[in-house]
Amino acid sequence: MSVNKGNARAIADFLTFSNHQVQTVTTTSHTIVTLVCGAAVVWIIWFILAGETPAEIRLPTDKPITATPTHSNAAIGTTGCLAAACHGGNASETLTGKLDTRTWQSAGTTEVAHDPHTRSYSLLTDHPDRPVRVTAKVMMARLGICTPATEDARCLACHTNPALAHSSVTKEDRLVALRSEGVGCEGCHGNAGGWLREHTTWSPARAGNSGRSGMVALSDIGERAVACMGCHVGAPADESRNYPVRDMNHDMIAAGHPRLNFDFAEYHRRLPKHWQEKSQKVHATSATGAKFDQRLWLVGRIAQAEVACKLLADRAERASQKDARTPWPELADYNCAACHHNIPQPWRSEPSRLGTRPAGSLAWQTIWPVTDPTTSLLEFDEVKKLMNVLQGNRPPGFKGVIEPARQAAARLSDFRWEISQQPDDEVARLGRQVFPARVTADEDSDHYGQLLLGLAAMRRSGVLTPVQDAEFKAAFESINTKNWSEVRKALDVLLAALKPQP
């Protein structure tokens, strides 16, 4: 049985320390210390080789533990992970898609070379060769902000490590250099200052270790989805990690920022992998299976609704405190097509479209299938109550939104955890139930798009019977050209191809 380089280094450091101490004591003490150190070394070597985990850090059977980071949780930077003995190995195999038990050795190299997150900070600068329609400088001018985007916490919060974005972070050269790395290792895993040293001695079953040290438990699919959505949807400030508010709102969209239109399973599929999926659950038999993409999709949809509710509650809370950068009502919380649509479209006033909403009211954002009132599997009273508050005769006051949004977020968080613990076959069964038999003519473009991405995840998981690629291609192309009749036709064919429920 072999010992990895990190463990071997830890043993060597311990032996060096022991020998130094032995030389400083008397002959009698020499004998005692030698025996004690020898026993300790034997125990450490046995512990590492055996791969055992001490009782106090056994793998958790409840929700992942998120520790409050200590004073030592300083940002280290991506270069702190790129030592050859750590995550800076040769990435030639990983970059070609070969993922195995050695992938971790080149994780940092792969991320730096190929991950689009590393370029996020550069979008805040005005490089002449960048093919963007609206530069950051133009957007800031439209918002009436004199501060450069590279110094504005609202921009830095998602375009670099959020812990380096807060206004309390100084402008010293080292921190500015760390910001320029974009969203690197610590942008997702958390600042390494609190766990970098001990991380080198963790056993492969490290879920308990990471949670208690402040490292984000990305091995859990639900926690991974929530971590991604901190930027791709938004999140309240987190004082324990020194994260500022992450909130890309309607004002910023009007200034030229692309709207956030996120689907966890689809983004996950497109992301160049620098890791091998490994289960951290005691009861799990494998980390991935034939239906892994469907698990990503269903857990991701629940997580997105949960995060959206948390952000909504935080927006209302900030508005109640008269925060200058928090307008109310926040139009980004509502369905874009509620205002941005061709006139006339009579079907928008049909009772089947309005449901319980009064005529003229704004529809909440589409997070299908959670916000679809016809999806019985995901009928949450807390979500219904929140939607009734938001979709009244007039936009509600912020004080009436805070508590319903928090309650909805808590319920969705519990359900996300419940779903993430289910076996693949059960997740597939639940996922199949949320799809309608066919689409209707009174849905918006977001609904069609999210339904199509869900079907794509189902197909990757083998839950669809064989269908022609032409149907998926036609659906995507028709959405891009806003040919809604063709979209519905293609979606109906794909829905009919779903395997019958066992």
Protein backbone atom coordinates (compact mmCIF):
# COMPACT_ATOMS: atom_id res chain seq x y z
CA MET A 1 0.00 0.00 0.00
CA SER A 2 1.39 3.36 -1.00
CA VAL A 3 1.41 6.67 0.82
CA ASN A 4 0.69 9.83 -1.14
CA LYS A 5 3.27 12.61 -1.22
CA GLY A 6 1.36 14.84 1.17
CA ASN A 7 1.20 12.11 3.80
CA ALA A 8 4.82 11.18 3.29
CA ARG A 9 5.82 14.80 3.80
CA ALA A 10 3.80 14.97 7.02
CA ILE A 11 5.54 11.85 8.36
CA ALA A 12 8.97 13.22 7.41
CA ASP A 13 8.24 16.52 9.18
CA PHE A 14 7.15 14.67 12.28
CA LEU A 15 10.28 12.49 12.33
CA THR A 16 12.53 15.55 11.90
CA PHE A 17 10.79 17.28 14.78
CA SER A 18 11.09 14.18 16.98
CA ASN A 19 14.83 13.75 16.32
CA HIS A 20 15.49 17.40 17.17
CA GLN A 21 13.67 17.06 20.49
CA VAL A 22 15.47 13.86 21.38
CA GLN A 23 18.89 15.52 21.04
CA THR A 24 18.05 18.16 23.65
CA VAL A 25 17.26 15.91 26.62
CA THR A 26 19.28 13.82 29.06
CA THR A 27 20.00 10.14 28.62
CA THR A 28 17.06 9.11 30.80
CA SER A 29 14.71 11.51 29.09
CA HIS A 30 16.16 10.38 25.77
CA THR A 31 14.88 6.87 26.36
CA ILE A 32 11.42 8.01 27.44
CA VAL A 33 10.98 10.49 24.60
CA THR A 34 12.22 7.96 22.06
CA LEU A 35 9.65 5.40 23.20
CA VAL A 36 6.80 7.92 23.20
CA CYS A 37 7.74 9.39 19.82
CA GLY A 38 8.27 5.94 18.36
CA ALA A 39 4.81 4.85 19.47
CA ALA A 40 3.29 8.04 18.11
CA VAL A 41 4.99 7.63 14.73
CA VAL A 42 3.84 4.02 14.48
CA TRP A 43 0.27 5.12 15.25
CA ILE A 44 0.38 7.92 12.67
CA ILE A 45 1.78 5.66 9.95
CA TRP A 46 -0.80 2.98 10.74
CA PHE A 47 -3.60 5.59 10.71
CA ILE A 48 -2.57 6.98 7.30
CA LEU A 49 -1.99 3.62 5.64
CA ALA A 50 -5.19 2.14 7.02
CA GLY A 51 -7.22 5.14 5.87
CA GLU A 52 -9.16 5.21 9.12
CA THR A 53 -11.02 8.30 10.28
CA PRO A 54 -11.06 9.20 14.00
CA ALA A 55 -14.44 8.90 15.69
CA GLU A 56 -14.85 12.62 16.13
CA ILE A 57 -14.68 13.25 12.37
CA ARG A 58 -16.67 10.30 11.06
CA LEU A 59 -18.60 10.98 7.88
CA PRO A 60 -21.79 12.88 8.74
CA THR A 61 -25.19 11.30 8.20
CA ASP A 62 -27.00 14.64 8.50
CA LYS A 63 -26.64 17.83 6.52
CA PRO A 64 -23.05 18.91 5.83
CA ILE A 65 -21.50 20.89 8.64
CA THR A 66 -20.53 24.41 7.72
CA ALA A 67 -18.05 25.72 10.25
CA THR A 68 -17.59 29.38 11.00
CA PRO A 69 -14.12 30.13 9.58
CA THR A 70 -11.53 31.23 12.11
CA HIS A 71 -9.22 34.23 12.02
CA SER A 72 -6.79 32.14 9.97
CA ASN A 73 -9.07 31.89 6.93
CA ALA A 74 -6.96 34.22 4.83
CA ALA A 75 -6.92 33.91 1.06
CA ILE A 76 -3.87 32.04 -0.19
CA GLY A 77 -4.44 32.31 -3.92
CA THR A 78 -4.47 29.72 -6.67
CA THR A 79 -0.67 29.45 -6.66
CA GLY A 80 -0.92 28.02 -3.14
CA CYS A 81 -2.57 24.94 -4.66
CA LEU A 82 -0.20 24.48 -7.61
CA ALA A 83 2.78 22.74 -6.01
CA ALA A 84 3.80 19.67 -7.98
CA ALA A 85 3.08 17.45 -4.97
CA CYS A 86 -0.38 18.98 -4.53
CA HIS A 87 -2.67 19.98 -7.45
CA GLY A 88 -0.11 21.32 -9.92
CA GLY A 89 0.74 18.12 -11.76
CA ASN A 90 0.71 17.37 -15.48
CA ALA A 91 -2.82 17.94 -16.81
CA SER A 92 -2.47 16.32 -20.24
CA GLU A 93 -4.84 13.46 -19.41
CA THR A 94 -7.40 15.52 -17.50
CA LEU A 95 -7.59 18.10 -20.29
CA THR A 96 -8.53 15.30 -22.71
CA GLY A 97 -11.36 14.16 -20.45
CA LYS A 98 -9.69 11.24 -18.68
CA LEU A 99 -10.77 11.37 -15.04
CA ASP A 100 -9.49 8.80 -12.57
CA THR A 101 -8.16 8.47 -9.02
CA ARG A 102 -5.13 10.61 -9.93
CA THR A 103 -7.09 13.53 -11.36
CA TRP A 104 -6.70 15.51 -8.13
CA GLN A 105 -2.96 15.79 -8.79
CA SER A 106 -3.57 18.07 -11.79
CA ALA A 107 -6.77 19.77 -10.61
CA GLY A 108 -5.15 23.17 -10.18
CA THR A 109 -3.29 23.00 -13.48
CA THR A 110 -6.49 22.08 -15.32
CA GLU A 111 -8.48 24.83 -13.66
CA VAL A 112 -5.93 27.52 -14.50
CA ALA A 113 -5.53 26.34 -18.09
CA HIS A 114 -9.10 25.66 -19.09
CA ASP A 115 -11.73 26.90 -16.66
CA PRO A 116 -13.67 30.01 -17.80
CA HIS A 117 -14.03 31.18 -14.17
CA THR A 118 -10.39 32.27 -14.18
CA ARG A 119 -11.23 34.92 -16.79
CA SER A 120 -14.06 36.47 -14.81
CA TYR A 121 -11.98 39.35 -13.39
CA SER A 122 -10.77 40.36 -16.85
CA LEU A 123 -14.39 41.17 -17.79
CA LEU A 124 -14.20 44.10 -15.38
CA THR A 125 -11.38 45.66 -17.37
CA ASP A 126 -11.66 47.37 -20.75
CA HIS A 127 -9.35 45.35 -22.93
CA PRO A 128 -9.66 46.48 -26.57
CA ASP A 129 -9.66 42.92 -27.93
CA ARG A 130 -12.54 41.69 -25.79
CA PRO A 131 -15.63 40.91 -27.92
CA VAL A 132 -18.33 42.28 -25.59
CA ARG A 133 -21.21 44.53 -26.54
CA VAL A 134 -21.04 46.70 -23.43
CA THR A 135 -17.85 47.17 -21.45
CA ALA A 136 -17.70 47.41 -17.68
CA LYS A 137 -16.68 51.05 -17.95
CA VAL A 138 -19.78 51.89 -19.99
CA MET A 139 -22.01 50.01 -17.55
CA MET A 140 -20.60 51.86 -14.55
CA ALA A 141 -21.15 55.18 -16.33
CA ARG A 142 -24.75 54.27 -17.10
CA LEU A 143 -25.28 53.45 -13.42
CA GLY A 144 -23.80 56.81 -12.45
CA ILE A 145 -20.95 55.21 -10.50
CA CYS A 146 -17.51 56.82 -10.65
CA THR A 147 -15.67 53.89 -9.06
CA PRO A 148 -14.01 51.51 -11.56
CA ALA A 149 -15.59 48.07 -11.76
CA THR A 150 -12.29 46.58 -10.55
CA GLU A 151 -12.79 48.42 -7.24
CA ASP A 152 -16.56 48.11 -6.78
CA ALA A 153 -17.57 45.41 -4.29
CA ARG A 154 -20.81 44.71 -6.16
CA CYS A 155 -18.85 43.74 -9.29
CA LEU A 156 -15.96 42.03 -7.51
CA ALA A 157 -18.33 39.88 -5.44
CA CYS A 158 -18.89 37.54 -8.39
CA HIS A 159 -15.96 38.29 -10.69
CA THR A 160 -13.33 37.22 -8.18
CA ASN A 161 -13.09 35.43 -4.84
CA PRO A 162 -16.01 36.98 -2.90
CA ALA A 163 -13.86 37.18 0.23
CA LEU A 164 -11.61 39.68 -1.58
CA ALA A 165 -14.47 41.87 -2.79
CA HIS A 166 -15.61 43.49 0.43
CA SER A 167 -14.92 47.16 0.95
CA SER A 168 -13.01 46.28 4.13
CA VAL A 169 -10.36 44.52 2.03
CA THR A 170 -7.41 46.85 1.50
CA LYS A 171 -5.90 47.75 -1.86
CA GLU A 172 -2.48 46.34 -1.10
CA ASP A 173 -0.70 44.85 -4.10
CA ARG A 174 -0.96 41.24 -2.92
CA LEU A 175 -4.74 41.33 -2.61
CA VAL A 176 -5.16 43.16 -5.91
CA ALA A 177 -3.07 40.41 -7.52
CA LEU A 178 -5.27 37.75 -5.92
CA ARG A 179 -8.36 39.46 -7.28
CA SER A 180 -6.91 39.34 -10.78
CA GLU A 181 -6.93 35.52 -10.58
CA GLY A 182 -10.70 35.71 -11.07
CA VAL A 183 -12.82 33.01 -9.50
CA GLY A 184 -10.03 30.58 -8.70
CA CYS A 185 -9.83 27.63 -6.33
CA GLU A 186 -10.84 29.59 -3.24
CA GLY A 187 -13.76 31.25 -5.02
CA CYS A 188 -15.55 27.89 -4.85
CA HIS A 189 -13.76 25.94 -2.10
CA GLY A 190 -13.46 28.84 0.37
CA ASN A 191 -10.35 30.61 1.64
CA ALA A 192 -7.62 28.08 2.29
CA GLY A 193 -5.95 29.83 5.21
CA GLY A 194 -7.99 27.80 7.68
CA TRP A 195 -7.45 24.37 6.14
CA LEU A 196 -4.54 24.34 3.69
CA ARG A 197 -1.98 22.73 6.02
CA GLU A 198 -4.23 20.05 7.49
CA HIS A 199 -5.82 19.41 4.09
CA THR A 200 -2.66 17.59 2.96
CA THR A 201 -3.19 14.86 5.57
CA TRP A 202 -6.91 14.25 5.08
CA SER A 203 -8.02 10.78 4.08
CA PRO A 204 -10.06 10.35 0.89
CA ALA A 205 -13.23 10.29 3.01
CA ARG A 206 -12.89 13.94 3.91
CA ALA A 207 -16.45 15.23 4.15
CA GLY A 208 -16.30 15.58 7.92
CA ASN A 209 -12.91 17.29 7.77
CA SER A 210 -13.87 19.88 5.18
CA GLY A 211 -17.10 20.87 6.91
CA ARG A 212 -15.41 21.50 10.25
CA SER A 213 -12.49 23.43 8.79
CA GLY A 214 -14.55 25.88 6.76
CA MET A 215 -13.88 24.28 3.38
CA VAL A 216 -17.04 24.18 1.27
CA ALA A 217 -18.44 20.63 1.01
CA LEU A 218 -18.58 20.50 -2.79
CA SER A 219 -18.71 16.69 -2.76
CA ASP A 220 -22.39 17.06 -1.83
CA ILE A 221 -24.36 17.83 -5.02
CA GLY A 222 -26.84 20.07 -3.22
CA GLU A 223 -24.14 22.10 -1.48
CA ARG A 224 -22.28 22.37 -4.78
CA ALA A 225 -25.38 23.74 -6.48
CA VAL A 226 -25.92 26.32 -3.72
CA ALA A 227 -22.25 27.36 -3.92
CA CYS A 228 -22.48 27.91 -7.68
CA MET A 229 -25.70 29.87 -7.35
CA GLY A 230 -24.15 32.30 -4.91
CA CYS A 231 -22.92 34.10 -8.01
CA HIS A 232 -25.11 32.67 -10.78
CA VAL A 233 -28.33 33.59 -8.94
CA GLY A 234 -27.24 35.77 -6.00
CA ALA A 235 -26.78 35.55 -2.24
CA PRO A 236 -27.01 37.64 0.94
CA ALA A 237 -23.85 38.87 2.62
CA ASP A 238 -22.02 36.26 4.70
CA GLU A 239 -20.13 37.92 7.54
CA SER A 240 -18.50 34.66 8.66
CA ARG A 241 -16.64 34.48 5.34
CA ASN A 242 -16.43 38.23 4.79
CA TYR A 243 -18.59 37.89 1.65
CA PRO A 244 -20.49 41.01 0.55
CA VAL A 245 -23.95 40.91 -0.98
CA ARG A 246 -24.02 39.24 -4.39
CA ASP A 247 -26.94 40.78 -6.20
CA MET A 248 -27.07 41.41 -9.95
CA ASN A 249 -30.36 43.28 -10.17
CA HIS A 250 -32.61 44.88 -12.80
CA ASP A 251 -30.69 48.18 -12.75
CA MET A 252 -27.52 46.35 -13.78
CA ILE A 253 -29.38 44.49 -16.51
CA ALA A 254 -30.65 47.82 -17.83
CA ALA A 255 -27.07 49.09 -17.82
CA GLY A 256 -25.97 46.21 -20.05
CA HIS A 257 -25.18 43.24 -17.80
CA PRO A 258 -26.53 39.94 -19.23
CA ARG A 259 -29.44 38.53 -17.27
CA LEU A 260 -28.66 35.53 -15.08
CA ASN A 261 -30.36 32.57 -16.75
CA PHE A 262 -28.92 29.58 -14.92
CA ASP A 263 -29.46 25.82 -15.10
CA PHE A 264 -27.17 23.87 -12.77
CA ALA A 265 -27.14 20.60 -14.73
CA GLU A 266 -26.42 22.30 -18.06
CA TYR A 267 -23.66 24.54 -16.70
CA HIS A 268 -22.20 21.56 -14.86
CA ARG A 269 -22.13 19.57 -18.10
CA ARG A 270 -20.30 22.32 -19.95
CA LEU A 271 -17.72 23.01 -17.25
CA PRO A 272 -14.32 21.42 -17.96
CA LYS A 273 -13.91 18.89 -15.15
CA HIS A 274 -10.83 19.03 -12.92
CA TRP A 275 -12.13 16.44 -10.46
CA GLN A 276 -13.39 12.88 -10.34
CA GLU A 277 -16.80 12.44 -8.77
CA LYS A 278 -16.43 10.55 -5.50
CA SER A 279 -19.19 9.76 -3.09
CA GLN A 280 -18.72 11.09 0.44
CA LYS A 281 -21.82 9.34 1.78
CA VAL A 282 -21.51 6.26 3.96
CA HIS A 283 -24.50 4.49 2.40
CA ALA A 284 -23.64 5.27 -1.23
CA THR A 285 -22.33 2.57 -3.55
CA SER A 286 -21.00 4.89 -6.24
CA ALA A 287 -20.58 8.59 -6.85
CA THR A 288 -22.05 8.60 -10.33
CA GLY A 289 -24.33 6.36 -12.28
CA ALA A 290 -26.41 6.29 -15.42
CA LYS A 291 -28.87 8.76 -13.89
CA PHE A 292 -26.31 11.18 -12.42
CA ASP A 293 -27.29 14.04 -14.75
CA GLN A 294 -30.91 13.75 -13.74
CA ARG A 295 -29.86 13.96 -10.09
CA LEU A 296 -27.91 17.12 -10.91
CA TRP A 297 -30.93 18.56 -12.67
CA LEU A 298 -33.62 17.85 -10.06
CA VAL A 299 -31.47 18.81 -7.06
CA GLY A 300 -30.31 21.88 -8.98
CA ARG A 301 -33.86 23.09 -9.69
CA ILE A 302 -34.84 22.78 -6.02
CA ALA A 303 -31.62 24.55 -4.99
CA GLN A 304 -32.24 27.39 -7.45
CA ALA A 305 -35.67 28.08 -6.00
CA GLU A 306 -34.22 27.94 -2.49
CA VAL A 307 -31.45 30.42 -3.31
CA ALA A 308 -33.88 32.73 -5.12
CA CYS A 309 -36.08 32.84 -2.01
CA LYS A 310 -33.09 33.63 0.21
CA LEU A 311 -32.06 36.45 -2.10
CA LEU A 312 -35.62 37.78 -2.23
CA ALA A 313 -35.79 37.87 1.58
CA ASP A 314 -32.45 39.65 1.72
CA ARG A 315 -33.49 42.19 -0.91
CA ALA A 316 -36.62 42.98 1.08
CA GLU A 317 -34.59 43.25 4.29
CA ARG A 318 -32.11 45.66 2.70
CA ALA A 319 -34.93 47.70 1.19
CA SER A 320 -36.53 47.99 4.62
CA GLN A 321 -33.25 49.47 5.85
CA LYS A 322 -33.31 52.02 3.00
CA ASP A 323 -30.17 50.68 1.34
CA ALA A 324 -29.32 53.04 -1.50
CA ARG A 325 -28.48 50.20 -3.90
CA THR A 326 -31.60 48.14 -3.21
CA PRO A 327 -34.64 49.47 -5.10
CA TRP A 328 -38.07 48.10 -4.29
CA PRO A 329 -39.84 46.38 -5.81
CA GLU A 330 -36.93 44.55 -7.42
CA LEU A 331 -38.07 43.83 -10.98
CA ALA A 332 -35.43 41.12 -11.48
CA ASP A 333 -37.51 38.96 -9.12
CA TYR A 334 -40.36 38.91 -11.62
CA ASN A 335 -40.84 37.15 -14.92
CA CYS A 336 -39.19 39.14 -17.72
CA ALA A 337 -42.05 38.36 -20.11
CA ALA A 338 -44.49 40.03 -17.71
CA CYS A 339 -43.33 43.32 -19.25
CA HIS A 340 -41.09 42.42 -22.20
CA HIS A 341 -43.51 40.96 -24.75
CA ASN A 342 -45.22 41.85 -27.98
CA ILE A 343 -48.54 43.67 -27.82
CA PRO A 344 -51.21 42.52 -28.35
CA GLN A 345 -51.04 38.93 -27.09
CA PRO A 346 -54.60 38.22 -25.94
CA TRP A 347 -53.74 34.86 -24.38
CA ARG A 348 -51.96 36.70 -21.59
CA SER A 349 -55.33 37.72 -20.18
CA GLU A 350 -56.89 34.26 -20.42
CA PRO A 351 -57.99 32.76 -17.05
CA SER A 352 -55.90 29.64 -17.71
CA ARG A 353 -52.81 31.82 -17.94
CA LEU A 354 -53.56 34.01 -14.94
CA GLY A 355 -54.53 31.21 -12.55
CA THR A 356 -55.21 32.89 -9.21
CA ARG A 357 -53.40 36.09 -10.20
CA PRO A 358 -55.48 39.23 -10.65
CA ALA A 359 -55.42 40.74 -14.13
CA GLY A 360 -52.53 43.17 -14.48
CA SER A 361 -50.43 41.64 -11.73
CA LEU A 362 -46.80 40.65 -12.30
CA ALA A 363 -45.86 36.98 -12.41
CA TRP A 364 -42.97 35.82 -10.23
CA GLN A 365 -39.88 34.51 -11.98
CA THR A 366 -40.13 31.11 -13.64
CA ILE A 367 -38.20 28.40 -11.79
CA TRP A 368 -39.82 25.37 -13.34
CA PRO A 369 -40.96 22.96 -11.96
CA VAL A 370 -41.04 24.54 -8.46
CA THR A 371 -43.13 27.56 -9.45
CA ASP A 372 -45.50 25.56 -11.65
CA PRO A 373 -48.80 25.21 -9.75
CA THR A 374 -49.69 22.07 -11.72
CA THR A 375 -46.67 20.10 -10.46
CA SER A 376 -48.17 18.14 -7.56
CA LEU A 377 -44.83 16.61 -6.51
CA LEU A 378 -43.44 20.05 -5.68
CA GLU A 379 -46.51 21.67 -4.17
CA PHE A 380 -45.12 23.46 -1.14
CA ASP A 381 -47.52 25.52 0.95
CA GLU A 382 -44.70 27.93 1.81
CA VAL A 383 -43.95 28.57 -1.88
CA LYS A 384 -47.65 29.03 -2.66
CA LYS A 385 -47.96 31.57 0.14
CA LEU A 386 -44.95 33.50 -1.12
CA MET A 387 -46.25 33.54 -4.69
CA ASN A 388 -49.64 34.78 -3.51
CA VAL A 389 -47.91 37.63 -1.71
CA LEU A 390 -45.76 38.56 -4.73
CA GLN A 391 -48.51 38.21 -7.33
CA GLY A 392 -51.18 40.37 -5.73
CA ASN A 393 -52.97 43.37 -7.20
CA ARG A 394 -49.93 45.55 -6.59
CA PRO A 395 -46.26 44.75 -5.86
CA PRO A 396 -46.15 44.04 -2.12
CA GLY A 397 -44.38 46.08 0.51
CA PHE A 398 -40.99 44.71 1.49
CA LYS A 399 -42.00 43.98 5.10
CA GLY A 400 -44.68 41.54 3.98
CA VAL A 401 -42.19 39.56 1.87
CA ILE A 402 -39.33 38.88 4.29
CA GLU A 403 -40.85 36.16 6.46
CA PRO A 404 -42.73 34.24 3.69
CA ALA A 405 -39.55 34.20 1.59
CA ARG A 406 -37.49 32.86 4.50
CA GLN A 407 -40.04 30.16 5.23
CA ALA A 408 -40.12 29.09 1.58
CA ALA A 409 -36.31 28.96 1.46
CA ALA A 410 -36.16 26.80 4.60
CA ARG A 411 -38.73 24.34 3.24
CA LEU A 412 -36.95 24.06 -0.09
CA SER A 413 -33.61 23.56 1.67
CA ASP A 414 -35.03 20.62 3.61
CA PHE A 415 -36.53 19.10 0.47
CA ARG A 416 -33.28 19.56 -1.45
CA TRP A 417 -31.48 17.61 1.25
CA GLU A 418 -34.13 14.87 1.25
CA ILE A 419 -33.92 14.47 -2.52
CA SER A 420 -30.10 14.42 -2.55
CA GLN A 421 -30.10 11.42 -0.18
CA GLN A 422 -32.36 9.26 -2.35
CA PRO A 423 -30.98 6.43 -4.56
CA ASP A 424 -30.65 7.12 -8.26
CA ASP A 425 -33.73 5.10 -9.22
CA GLU A 426 -35.90 7.00 -6.76
CA VAL A 427 -34.59 10.36 -7.99
CA ALA A 428 -35.33 9.24 -11.55
CA ARG A 429 -38.88 8.29 -10.57
CA LEU A 430 -39.48 11.62 -8.84
CA GLY A 431 -37.92 13.54 -11.73
CA ARG A 432 -40.13 11.79 -14.26
CA GLN A 433 -43.25 12.83 -12.35
CA VAL A 434 -42.66 16.56 -12.72
CA PHE A 435 -42.83 16.53 -16.52
CA PRO A 436 -46.21 17.23 -18.10
CA ALA A 437 -47.79 14.98 -20.72
CA ARG A 438 -47.60 17.87 -23.18
CA VAL A 439 -46.99 21.61 -23.25
CA THR A 440 -49.62 24.29 -23.41
CA ALA A 441 -49.79 27.36 -25.61
CA ASP A 442 -49.81 29.87 -22.77
CA GLU A 443 -46.35 29.45 -21.29
CA ASP A 444 -43.43 31.88 -21.51
CA SER A 445 -40.02 31.36 -23.09
CA ASP A 446 -38.33 30.66 -19.75
CA HIS A 447 -40.73 27.79 -19.08
CA TYR A 448 -40.05 26.24 -22.49
CA GLY A 449 -36.29 26.63 -22.12
CA GLN A 450 -36.15 25.14 -18.63
CA LEU A 451 -38.39 22.26 -19.68
CA LEU A 452 -36.11 21.54 -22.64
CA LEU A 453 -32.95 21.56 -20.49
CA GLY A 454 -34.66 19.16 -18.09
CA LEU A 455 -35.46 16.82 -20.98
CA ALA A 456 -31.83 17.04 -22.12
CA ALA A 457 -30.68 15.95 -18.64
CA MET A 458 -33.20 13.11 -18.74
CA ARG A 459 -31.82 11.96 -22.05
CA ARG A 460 -28.21 12.01 -20.82
CA SER A 461 -29.40 9.86 -17.92
CA GLY A 462 -31.05 7.31 -20.21
CA VAL A 463 -34.58 8.09 -19.02
CA LEU A 464 -35.76 8.99 -22.53
CA THR A 465 -36.55 6.32 -25.07
CA PRO A 466 -34.47 6.68 -28.27
CA VAL A 467 -35.40 9.86 -30.12
CA GLN A 468 -33.83 11.67 -33.00
CA ASP A 469 -31.33 14.46 -32.37
CA ALA A 470 -33.40 16.49 -34.80
CA GLU A 471 -36.10 16.99 -32.17
CA PHE A 472 -33.69 18.55 -29.66
CA LYS A 473 -32.03 20.61 -32.37
CA ALA A 474 -35.39 21.86 -33.64
CA ALA A 475 -36.51 22.81 -30.13
CA PHE A 476 -33.37 24.80 -29.36
CA GLU A 477 -33.32 26.53 -32.73
CA SER A 478 -37.01 27.41 -32.47
CA ILE A 479 -36.49 28.96 -29.04
CA ASN A 480 -33.66 31.09 -30.44
CA THR A 481 -35.89 32.28 -33.29
CA LYS A 482 -38.94 32.63 -30.98
CA ASN A 483 -40.97 30.30 -33.17
CA TRP A 484 -43.18 29.12 -30.31
CA SER A 485 -45.45 26.83 -32.33
CA GLU A 486 -42.41 24.83 -33.49
CA VAL A 487 -41.05 24.81 -29.93
CA ARG A 488 -44.28 23.27 -28.63
CA LYS A 489 -44.33 20.72 -31.44
CA ALA A 490 -40.78 19.53 -30.70
CA LEU A 491 -41.35 19.48 -26.94
CA ASP A 492 -44.48 17.36 -27.34
CA VAL A 493 -42.50 14.77 -29.31
CA LEU A 494 -39.80 14.69 -26.62
CA LEU A 495 -42.32 14.45 -23.78
CA ALA A 496 -44.01 11.53 -25.52
CA ALA A 497 -40.64 9.77 -25.67
CA LEU A 498 -40.23 9.66 -21.89
CA LYS A 499 -40.09 6.10 -20.68
CA PRO A 500 -43.27 4.93 -18.96
CA GLN A 501 -43.19 5.20 -15.18
CA PRO A 502 -42.54 1.81 -13.51
